[in-house]
C-alpha cells in the first residue's frame, strides 16, 4: 500500500531550525548577480576563456535582470541561481574547448533517436527510465546532464568516483534533507535519467529556466525566437558524448531522450532530428497543473517568505495552455510511421505494453535480455515507493478541478482517443 502524503503547511511553511539558519546566513551575505561575476567564476573554475558564439549574452543578461528584479526572493534564492548560471557557463567553456580541440566531433551522426515529448508530470520521466533501462540505448543520467564534460583542473577523487557524479549525489542528499518530500515528487538521484534540454543550458536557452524561477520576460523571448539553433547546440553535445563513448572503447548506441518542451517545438524537433521516433504522452491537464504547482510551491519554501499560490496557478495554467495549443497545432508534423501516442491511463495500467509499442515503432527488436532489463528496473523502482502526494487544488490554489478543466476543452476535443473521459 502506497503511503499517502498530506502537505498541511504548503502555503504557510513550518521551517526547521536548520532551514531558518540557512536563510539567515544567506541574508547576512546578500548578492546582486552580474554577468561579469558569472562568467568570471566560470573562467576561474575551468582555466578557459573562450565562450564561443556571443549570442548567449543577451539571454544570460535577460535572466540575470529578472533574477535580480525578484525582490520577494530571499538572498538564498539568488545564491542558488548564481551557482546554476556558473555551472552552465563553465559547461559552455568546456564544450567550446572540446570542439576546438576535436573538430571531428561534428562528423558524428545522431541516428534514429527515440524522443519522448509530453506535458510535465505526464509520465515522460517514467517512460524514459523504462526505455533507458535497455542497454542497447544511450541516455543521459542526471550527473552527466549537469556536467557533460569533466573539468581538467579538477583532480580525480581518491575513491575513483567521478567528481561530477559525487557532486550530484551530494546535492541530492542536501536537497532531501532540506526538502524531505522531494523524493516523492521528483527523484533526482545521480543515475536518474534526465531531460535532454539540460544540454541547452550552456547556451542559456530552453524553458528549463522557467522551472527554477518564474521569468516571464525570458519566457516571451524564448517563445518569440526560433529554437532551432539551441536544438542544434543540444545535438552537438550529444555528438560530444557519443564521440567520448567511442574514444573510451564503447559502441555507438541509439539515443533515447525526453523533455516536455518538445511538445511545443515539434517542427523544430523534426528539422533537427528528422529520422527520430517520437512518443507523445497525454494526460488530463488538471492533474498535470496541480502536481506541478504543488511541487513548485513546496520547493519555494526556502526561497520566499510567503508562497504566491495565485501567481503559480496563473503562470503555469497559462504555460501549460501554450504548450498544448502548440501541440494541437503541430502534432501532424510527426507522421504515424514515426510517432506513438501514449495515453497516461493506458501507460499506468500496463507500462510494459507501451515500452513494446515504442520499440516496435522505432524498429528495435524484442529480446529476452532487454525485457529482463526493463522488468528489473520496474521491480527495483515500484511506483509510489517514496509515497504519493495528496493534492488539494481548491484548498491551496482556490480553483476547482472542473473550473480549471474548462480552459482545456480544445485539448480534449483535439485528442479524444488519447484522453480518457473525465467523470
Protein backbone atom coordinates (compact mmCIF):
# COMPACT_ATOMS: atom_id res chain seq x y z
CA UNK A 1 0.00 0.00 0.00
CA UNK A 2 1.48 3.34 -1.09
CA UNK A 3 1.73 5.86 1.71
CA UNK A 4 -0.45 8.94 1.19
CA UNK A 5 1.40 12.18 1.97
CA UNK A 6 -0.52 15.27 3.05
CA UNK A 7 1.25 18.65 2.92
CA UNK A 8 -0.58 20.68 5.53
CA UNK A 9 1.82 23.62 5.51
CA UNK A 10 2.19 24.14 1.75
CA UNK A 11 1.28 27.83 1.80
CA UNK A 12 2.46 28.57 5.34
CA UNK A 13 5.67 26.56 5.61
CA UNK A 14 6.80 25.43 9.04
CA UNK A 15 10.57 25.61 8.63
CA UNK A 16 13.10 23.71 10.68
CA UNK A 17 15.83 25.45 12.65
CA UNK A 18 18.36 24.33 10.02
CA UNK A 19 16.28 25.81 7.21
CA UNK A 20 15.86 29.12 9.03
CA UNK A 21 19.59 29.22 9.74
CA UNK A 22 20.43 28.70 6.05
CA UNK A 23 18.09 31.54 5.07
CA UNK A 24 19.51 33.86 7.72
CA UNK A 25 23.08 33.05 6.75
CA UNK A 26 22.38 33.98 3.12
CA UNK A 27 20.56 37.17 4.16
CA UNK A 28 23.70 38.20 6.02
CA UNK A 29 25.59 37.86 2.74
CA UNK A 30 23.29 39.41 0.11
CA UNK A 31 24.30 39.39 -3.51
CA UNK A 32 23.44 41.05 -6.79
CA UNK A 33 24.12 38.71 -9.69
CA UNK A 34 26.14 40.18 -12.56
CA UNK A 35 27.13 38.69 -15.89
CA UNK A 36 30.74 39.63 -15.19
CA UNK A 37 30.71 37.66 -11.93
CA UNK A 38 29.07 34.61 -13.53
CA UNK A 39 31.47 34.44 -16.46
CA UNK A 40 34.47 35.27 -14.30
CA UNK A 41 33.69 32.47 -11.88
CA UNK A 42 33.33 30.03 -14.77
CA UNK A 43 36.66 31.09 -16.25
CA UNK A 44 38.36 30.73 -12.91
CA UNK A 45 36.83 27.28 -12.36
CA UNK A 46 37.93 25.91 -15.74
CA UNK A 47 41.01 27.92 -16.68
CA UNK A 48 39.36 28.63 -20.03
CA UNK A 49 38.21 31.89 -21.61
CA UNK A 50 36.55 31.15 -24.98
CA UNK A 51 32.76 31.00 -24.64
CA UNK A 52 32.23 30.58 -28.38
CA UNK A 53 29.43 32.40 -30.26
CA UNK A 54 28.41 35.51 -28.35
CA UNK A 55 24.65 35.48 -28.87
CA UNK A 56 24.18 33.84 -25.46
CA UNK A 57 25.00 37.12 -23.69
CA UNK A 58 21.55 38.57 -24.43
CA UNK A 59 19.78 35.56 -22.95
CA UNK A 60 22.03 35.39 -19.90
CA UNK A 61 21.59 39.09 -19.16
CA UNK A 62 17.82 38.79 -19.53
CA UNK A 63 17.80 36.02 -16.94
CA UNK A 64 20.04 37.95 -14.58
CA UNK A 65 17.83 41.03 -14.83
CA UNK A 66 14.77 39.00 -13.91
CA UNK A 67 16.52 37.20 -11.05
CA UNK A 68 17.77 40.46 -9.54
CA UNK A 69 14.36 42.04 -10.07
CA UNK A 70 12.62 39.42 -7.94
CA UNK A 71 12.65 41.45 -4.75
CA UNK A 72 10.42 38.96 -2.91
CA UNK A 73 13.09 36.26 -3.03
CA UNK A 74 15.42 35.51 -0.16
CA UNK A 75 19.13 36.01 -0.80
CA UNK A 76 19.41 32.21 -0.63
CA UNK A 77 17.50 32.03 -3.91
CA UNK A 78 19.95 34.35 -5.65
CA UNK A 79 22.92 32.36 -4.32
CA UNK A 80 21.32 29.25 -5.82
CA UNK A 81 20.67 30.94 -9.17
CA UNK A 82 24.21 32.30 -9.30
CA UNK A 83 25.59 28.78 -8.84
CA UNK A 84 23.24 27.49 -11.53
CA UNK A 85 24.45 30.10 -14.01
CA UNK A 86 28.12 29.48 -13.20
CA UNK A 87 27.68 25.76 -13.81
CA UNK A 88 26.15 26.39 -17.22
CA UNK A 89 28.82 28.95 -18.14
CA UNK A 90 31.54 26.50 -17.08
CA UNK A 91 29.95 23.78 -19.20
CA UNK A 92 29.88 26.16 -22.14
CA UNK A 93 33.62 26.81 -21.83
CA UNK A 94 34.38 23.09 -21.63
CA UNK A 95 32.14 22.30 -24.61
CA UNK A 96 33.70 25.03 -26.72
CA UNK A 97 37.22 23.88 -25.80
CA UNK A 98 36.41 20.25 -26.65
CA UNK A 99 35.04 21.22 -30.07
CA UNK A 100 38.11 23.35 -30.83
CA UNK A 101 40.45 20.51 -29.95
CA UNK A 102 38.44 17.84 -31.75
CA UNK A 103 36.56 19.31 -34.74
CA UNK A 104 35.93 15.75 -35.97
CA UNK A 105 33.18 15.59 -33.37
CA UNK A 106 30.94 17.46 -35.80
CA UNK A 107 31.12 14.42 -38.11
CA UNK A 108 29.35 12.22 -35.57
CA UNK A 109 25.82 11.19 -36.60
CA UNK A 110 22.94 11.00 -34.13
CA UNK A 111 21.00 8.24 -35.83
CA UNK A 112 17.30 7.43 -35.32
CA UNK A 113 16.92 8.63 -31.73
CA UNK A 114 13.83 7.86 -29.68
CA UNK A 115 12.45 11.10 -28.23
CA UNK A 116 9.68 11.44 -25.67
CA UNK A 117 7.51 14.56 -25.63
CA UNK A 118 4.66 15.33 -23.28
CA UNK A 119 3.46 17.64 -20.56
CA UNK A 120 5.46 17.72 -17.34
CA UNK A 121 4.08 15.21 -14.83
CA UNK A 122 2.54 13.13 -17.64
CA UNK A 123 4.73 10.02 -17.44
CA UNK A 124 7.61 11.21 -19.62
CA UNK A 125 10.23 10.55 -16.95
CA UNK A 126 8.93 7.07 -16.19
CA UNK A 127 8.84 6.16 -19.87
CA UNK A 128 12.38 7.46 -20.40
CA UNK A 129 13.72 5.44 -17.49
CA UNK A 130 11.95 2.30 -18.69
CA UNK A 131 13.27 2.62 -22.24
CA UNK A 132 16.67 3.68 -20.93
CA UNK A 133 16.97 0.51 -18.86
CA UNK A 134 17.51 -1.27 -22.20
CA UNK A 135 21.31 -1.28 -22.51
CA UNK A 136 21.08 -1.16 -26.30
CA UNK A 137 20.12 2.51 -25.92
CA UNK A 138 22.05 5.56 -24.71
CA UNK A 139 20.59 8.24 -22.48
CA UNK A 140 21.75 10.94 -20.08
CA UNK A 141 21.89 10.26 -16.35
CA UNK A 142 21.37 13.36 -14.25
CA UNK A 143 25.02 13.72 -13.25
CA UNK A 144 26.08 13.81 -16.91
CA UNK A 145 23.32 16.26 -17.83
CA UNK A 146 24.51 18.61 -15.11
CA UNK A 147 28.15 18.39 -16.17
CA UNK A 148 28.60 16.79 -19.63
CA UNK A 149 32.38 17.15 -19.62
CA UNK A 150 34.96 16.73 -16.85
CA UNK A 151 36.88 19.75 -15.70
CA UNK A 152 40.60 19.22 -16.47
CA UNK A 153 41.53 21.37 -13.46
CA UNK A 154 39.67 19.07 -11.07
CA UNK A 155 41.81 16.26 -9.64
CA UNK A 156 40.37 12.74 -9.55
CA UNK A 157 38.93 11.54 -6.26
CA UNK A 158 40.87 9.01 -4.23
CA UNK A 159 37.89 6.64 -4.24
CA UNK A 160 37.77 6.60 -8.05
CA UNK A 161 34.26 8.09 -8.22
CA UNK A 162 33.83 10.70 -10.94
CA UNK A 163 33.75 14.09 -9.15
CA UNK A 164 30.74 15.08 -11.25
CA UNK A 165 28.81 12.04 -10.01
CA UNK A 166 29.83 12.65 -6.41
CA UNK A 167 28.80 16.29 -6.63
CA UNK A 168 25.33 15.39 -7.93
CA UNK A 169 24.91 12.77 -5.20
CA UNK A 170 25.88 15.28 -2.54
CA UNK A 171 23.42 17.85 -3.91
CA UNK A 172 20.64 15.26 -3.88
CA UNK A 173 21.32 14.36 -0.26
CA UNK A 174 21.28 18.04 0.68
CA UNK A 175 18.00 18.51 -1.17
CA UNK A 176 16.42 15.54 0.56
CA UNK A 177 17.41 16.98 3.94
CA UNK A 178 16.16 20.48 3.18
CA UNK A 179 13.05 19.33 1.26
CA UNK A 180 12.21 15.83 2.56
CA UNK A 181 9.29 15.26 0.18
CA UNK A 182 11.40 15.79 -2.95
CA UNK A 183 11.81 12.05 -3.48
CA UNK A 184 8.04 11.55 -3.59
CA UNK A 185 7.61 14.39 -6.10
CA UNK A 186 10.52 14.06 -8.48
CA UNK A 187 13.52 11.87 -7.59
CA UNK A 188 16.85 13.38 -8.64
CA UNK A 189 19.41 10.68 -7.88
CA UNK A 190 22.65 10.85 -9.93
CA UNK A 191 21.71 7.82 -12.06
CA UNK A 192 18.18 9.05 -12.73
CA UNK A 193 17.74 9.65 -16.47
CA UNK A 194 17.08 13.31 -17.08
CA UNK A 195 15.72 15.79 -19.61
CA UNK A 196 17.81 16.45 -22.68
CA UNK A 197 17.22 20.21 -22.71
CA UNK A 198 19.54 20.42 -19.72
CA UNK A 199 22.12 20.29 -22.52
CA UNK A 200 20.70 23.55 -23.90
CA UNK A 201 21.51 25.19 -20.57
CA UNK A 202 25.09 26.12 -21.56
CA UNK A 203 23.53 28.05 -24.44
CA UNK A 204 21.31 29.80 -21.87
CA UNK A 205 18.28 28.59 -23.78
CA UNK A 206 15.19 26.42 -23.17
CA UNK A 207 12.11 26.66 -20.99
CA UNK A 208 14.00 24.88 -18.21
CA UNK A 209 14.86 28.27 -16.70
CA UNK A 210 11.15 28.86 -16.05
CA UNK A 211 11.18 25.95 -13.60
CA UNK A 212 13.92 27.36 -11.40
CA UNK A 213 12.50 30.89 -11.32
CA UNK A 214 9.44 32.46 -12.87
CA UNK A 215 10.83 34.55 -15.70
CA UNK A 216 8.06 35.98 -17.91
CA UNK A 217 10.39 38.18 -19.99
CA UNK A 218 12.71 35.26 -20.66
CA UNK A 219 9.67 33.10 -21.50
CA UNK A 220 8.43 35.67 -24.01
CA UNK A 221 11.90 35.89 -25.58
CA UNK A 222 12.02 32.11 -25.87
CA UNK A 223 8.54 31.87 -27.39
CA UNK A 224 9.23 34.62 -29.93
CA UNK A 225 12.51 33.18 -31.25
CA UNK A 226 13.23 30.16 -33.43
CA UNK A 227 14.68 27.48 -31.16
CA UNK A 228 16.41 25.56 -33.97
CA UNK A 229 19.91 26.90 -33.10
CA UNK A 230 19.52 25.75 -29.50
CA UNK A 231 18.33 22.29 -30.54
CA UNK A 232 21.36 22.12 -32.83
CA UNK A 233 23.52 23.07 -29.84
CA UNK A 234 21.96 20.24 -27.83
CA UNK A 235 22.55 17.84 -30.71
CA UNK A 236 26.21 18.88 -30.78
CA UNK A 237 26.52 17.97 -27.10
CA UNK A 238 25.02 14.57 -27.93
CA UNK A 239 27.75 14.23 -30.55
CA UNK A 240 30.43 15.09 -27.98
CA UNK A 241 29.13 12.46 -25.57
CA UNK A 242 28.83 9.88 -28.35
CA UNK A 243 32.37 10.66 -29.54
CA UNK A 244 33.68 10.29 -25.98
CA UNK A 245 31.99 6.90 -25.73
CA UNK A 246 33.77 5.74 -28.88
CA UNK A 247 37.10 7.09 -27.60
CA UNK A 248 36.57 5.07 -24.44
CA UNK A 249 36.02 1.90 -26.50
CA UNK A 250 32.26 1.83 -26.09
CA UNK A 251 29.92 1.20 -29.03
CA UNK A 252 27.75 3.89 -30.57
CA UNK A 253 24.17 3.44 -29.45
CA UNK A 254 20.85 4.94 -30.40
CA UNK A 255 19.77 7.73 -28.09
CA UNK A 256 16.59 7.81 -26.05
CA UNK A 257 15.78 11.23 -24.56
CA UNK A 258 12.86 13.31 -23.37
CA UNK A 259 11.56 16.73 -22.44
CA UNK A 260 8.14 18.37 -22.12
CA UNK A 261 9.43 21.38 -24.06
CA UNK A 262 9.48 19.28 -27.23
CA UNK A 263 5.69 19.31 -27.14
CA UNK A 264 5.70 22.96 -28.25
CA UNK A 265 8.72 22.56 -30.55
CA UNK A 266 7.60 19.64 -32.70
CA UNK A 267 8.55 21.31 -36.04
CA UNK A 268 11.99 22.23 -34.68
CA UNK A 269 12.42 18.70 -33.37
CA UNK A 270 11.61 17.39 -36.86
CA UNK A 271 14.16 19.68 -38.51
CA UNK A 272 16.98 18.78 -36.15
CA UNK A 273 16.17 15.05 -35.69
CA UNK A 274 14.34 14.14 -38.92
CA UNK A 275 14.73 10.36 -38.52
CA UNK A 276 13.61 10.20 -34.88
CA UNK A 277 10.78 8.17 -33.42
CA UNK A 278 8.67 10.38 -31.13
CA UNK A 279 6.49 9.12 -28.29
CA UNK A 280 3.91 11.69 -27.16
CA UNK A 281 2.23 11.36 -23.78
CA UNK A 282 -1.28 12.60 -22.99
CA UNK A 283 -2.84 13.38 -19.62
CA UNK A 284 -5.62 15.47 -18.10
CA UNK A 285 -4.01 18.94 -17.81
CA UNK A 286 -5.65 19.49 -14.42
CA UNK A 287 -3.69 16.56 -12.99
CA UNK A 288 -0.52 17.97 -14.53
CA UNK A 289 -1.04 21.52 -13.23
CA UNK A 290 -1.97 20.59 -9.67
CA UNK A 291 1.05 18.29 -9.47
CA UNK A 292 3.44 20.88 -10.95
CA UNK A 293 2.34 23.87 -8.87
CA UNK A 294 2.24 21.84 -5.67
CA UNK A 295 5.79 20.66 -6.35
CA UNK A 296 6.99 24.20 -7.11
CA UNK A 297 5.21 25.68 -4.08
CA UNK A 298 6.83 23.10 -1.82
CA UNK A 299 10.22 23.79 -3.41
CA UNK A 300 9.84 27.54 -2.81
CA UNK A 301 9.54 27.33 0.97
CA UNK A 302 13.18 28.32 1.38
CA UNK A 303 13.08 30.89 -1.42
CA UNK A 304 10.26 33.24 -0.33
CA UNK A 305 8.76 34.44 2.94
CA UNK A 306 5.27 33.67 1.57
CA UNK A 307 4.10 31.34 -1.21
CA UNK A 308 2.35 33.10 -4.11
CA UNK A 309 -0.24 30.42 -4.77
CA UNK A 310 -2.30 32.56 -7.16
CA UNK A 311 0.78 33.54 -9.12
CA UNK A 312 1.82 29.90 -9.50
CA UNK A 313 -1.68 28.91 -10.64
CA UNK A 314 -1.88 31.70 -13.21
CA UNK A 315 1.64 31.27 -14.58
CA UNK A 316 1.55 27.50 -15.00
CA UNK A 317 -2.04 27.27 -16.21
CA UNK A 318 -1.10 29.73 -18.94
CA UNK A 319 2.18 27.92 -19.61
CA UNK A 320 0.55 24.52 -19.98
CA UNK A 321 -2.11 26.03 -22.24
CA UNK A 322 0.59 27.47 -24.51
CA UNK A 323 2.33 24.09 -24.56
CA UNK A 324 -0.86 22.27 -25.51
CA UNK A 325 -2.06 24.76 -28.12
CA UNK A 326 1.30 24.35 -29.89
CA UNK A 327 0.90 20.57 -29.63
CA UNK A 328 -2.58 20.68 -31.17
CA UNK A 329 -1.32 22.97 -33.94
CA UNK A 330 1.78 20.94 -34.82
CA UNK A 331 1.02 17.30 -33.97
CA UNK A 332 0.65 16.50 -37.69
CA UNK A 333 4.35 17.27 -38.28
CA UNK A 334 5.25 13.82 -36.99
CA UNK A 335 3.68 11.16 -39.22
CA UNK A 336 2.16 7.95 -37.93
CA UNK A 337 5.19 6.00 -39.16
CA UNK A 338 7.44 7.92 -36.76
CA UNK A 339 5.26 8.54 -33.72
CA UNK A 340 3.44 6.77 -30.92
CA UNK A 341 0.62 8.19 -28.79
CA UNK A 342 0.89 7.30 -25.09
CA UNK A 343 -2.31 7.90 -23.09
CA UNK A 344 -1.37 8.30 -19.43
CA UNK A 345 -4.05 5.96 -18.08
CA UNK A 346 -3.09 3.22 -20.54
CA UNK A 347 0.57 3.66 -19.66
CA UNK A 348 -0.07 3.45 -15.92
CA UNK A 349 -2.16 0.31 -16.41
CA UNK A 350 0.45 -1.53 -18.50
CA UNK A 351 3.77 0.26 -18.84
CA UNK A 352 5.50 -2.72 -20.44
CA UNK A 353 2.97 -2.71 -23.29
CA UNK A 354 3.84 0.92 -24.03
CA UNK A 355 7.56 0.11 -23.98
CA UNK A 356 6.94 -2.62 -26.56
CA UNK A 357 4.84 -0.27 -28.72
CA UNK A 358 7.57 2.37 -28.77
CA UNK A 359 10.25 -0.23 -29.53
CA UNK A 360 8.19 -1.64 -32.38
CA UNK A 361 7.65 1.78 -33.93
CA UNK A 362 11.38 2.54 -33.56
CA UNK A 363 12.34 -0.73 -35.23
CA UNK A 364 14.05 -2.02 -32.10
CA UNK A 365 13.66 -5.81 -31.89
CA UNK A 366 12.29 -7.52 -28.80
CA UNK A 367 14.91 -9.51 -26.89
CA UNK A 368 14.74 -11.51 -23.68
CA UNK A 369 17.66 -9.52 -22.29
CA UNK A 370 16.03 -6.14 -22.96
CA UNK A 371 12.75 -7.27 -21.44
CA UNK A 372 14.62 -8.55 -18.39
CA UNK A 373 16.43 -5.23 -18.00
CA UNK A 374 13.18 -3.27 -18.08
CA UNK A 375 11.47 -5.75 -15.74
CA UNK A 376 14.37 -5.43 -13.29
CA UNK A 377 14.02 -1.64 -13.36
CA UNK A 378 10.28 -1.86 -12.69
CA UNK A 379 10.88 -4.25 -9.79
CA UNK A 380 13.53 -2.03 -8.21
CA UNK A 381 11.57 1.20 -8.75
CA UNK A 382 7.98 0.43 -7.69
CA UNK A 383 5.56 3.26 -8.32
CA UNK A 384 4.95 5.23 -5.16
CA UNK A 385 7.96 3.78 -3.29
CA UNK A 386 8.53 7.19 -1.69
CA UNK A 387 4.84 7.82 -1.08
CA UNK A 388 2.10 9.58 -3.03
CA UNK A 389 1.34 13.28 -2.59
CA UNK A 390 -2.32 14.14 -1.96
CA UNK A 391 -3.25 17.27 -3.91
CA UNK A 392 -5.73 19.93 -2.77
CA UNK A 393 -6.20 22.17 -5.78
CA UNK A 394 -9.21 24.07 -4.48
CA UNK A 395 -8.00 24.35 -0.88
CA UNK A 396 -4.48 25.52 -1.76
CA UNK A 397 -5.00 27.36 -5.05
CA UNK A 398 -8.62 28.48 -4.94
CA UNK A 399 -9.97 26.76 -8.06
CA UNK A 400 -11.92 23.56 -8.57
CA UNK A 401 -10.69 20.89 -10.98
CA UNK A 402 -13.88 21.26 -13.01
CA UNK A 403 -13.44 25.00 -13.44
CA UNK A 404 -9.79 24.70 -14.45
CA UNK A 405 -10.53 21.84 -16.84
CA UNK A 406 -12.87 24.01 -18.93
CA UNK A 407 -9.85 26.01 -20.04
CA UNK A 408 -8.56 22.94 -21.86
CA UNK A 409 -11.65 21.87 -23.78
CA UNK A 410 -9.70 22.43 -27.01
CA UNK A 411 -7.17 19.77 -25.97
CA UNK A 412 -9.78 17.12 -25.13
CA UNK A 413 -11.57 17.85 -28.40
CA UNK A 414 -8.35 17.53 -30.43
CA UNK A 415 -7.26 14.19 -28.95
CA UNK A 416 -10.39 12.33 -27.78
CA UNK A 417 -8.84 8.88 -28.32
CA UNK A 418 -5.74 9.62 -26.28
CA UNK A 419 -7.55 11.21 -23.32
CA UNK A 420 -9.93 9.18 -21.23
CA UNK A 421 -13.30 10.78 -20.49
CA UNK A 422 -13.28 12.71 -17.24
CA UNK A 423 -16.15 11.73 -14.93
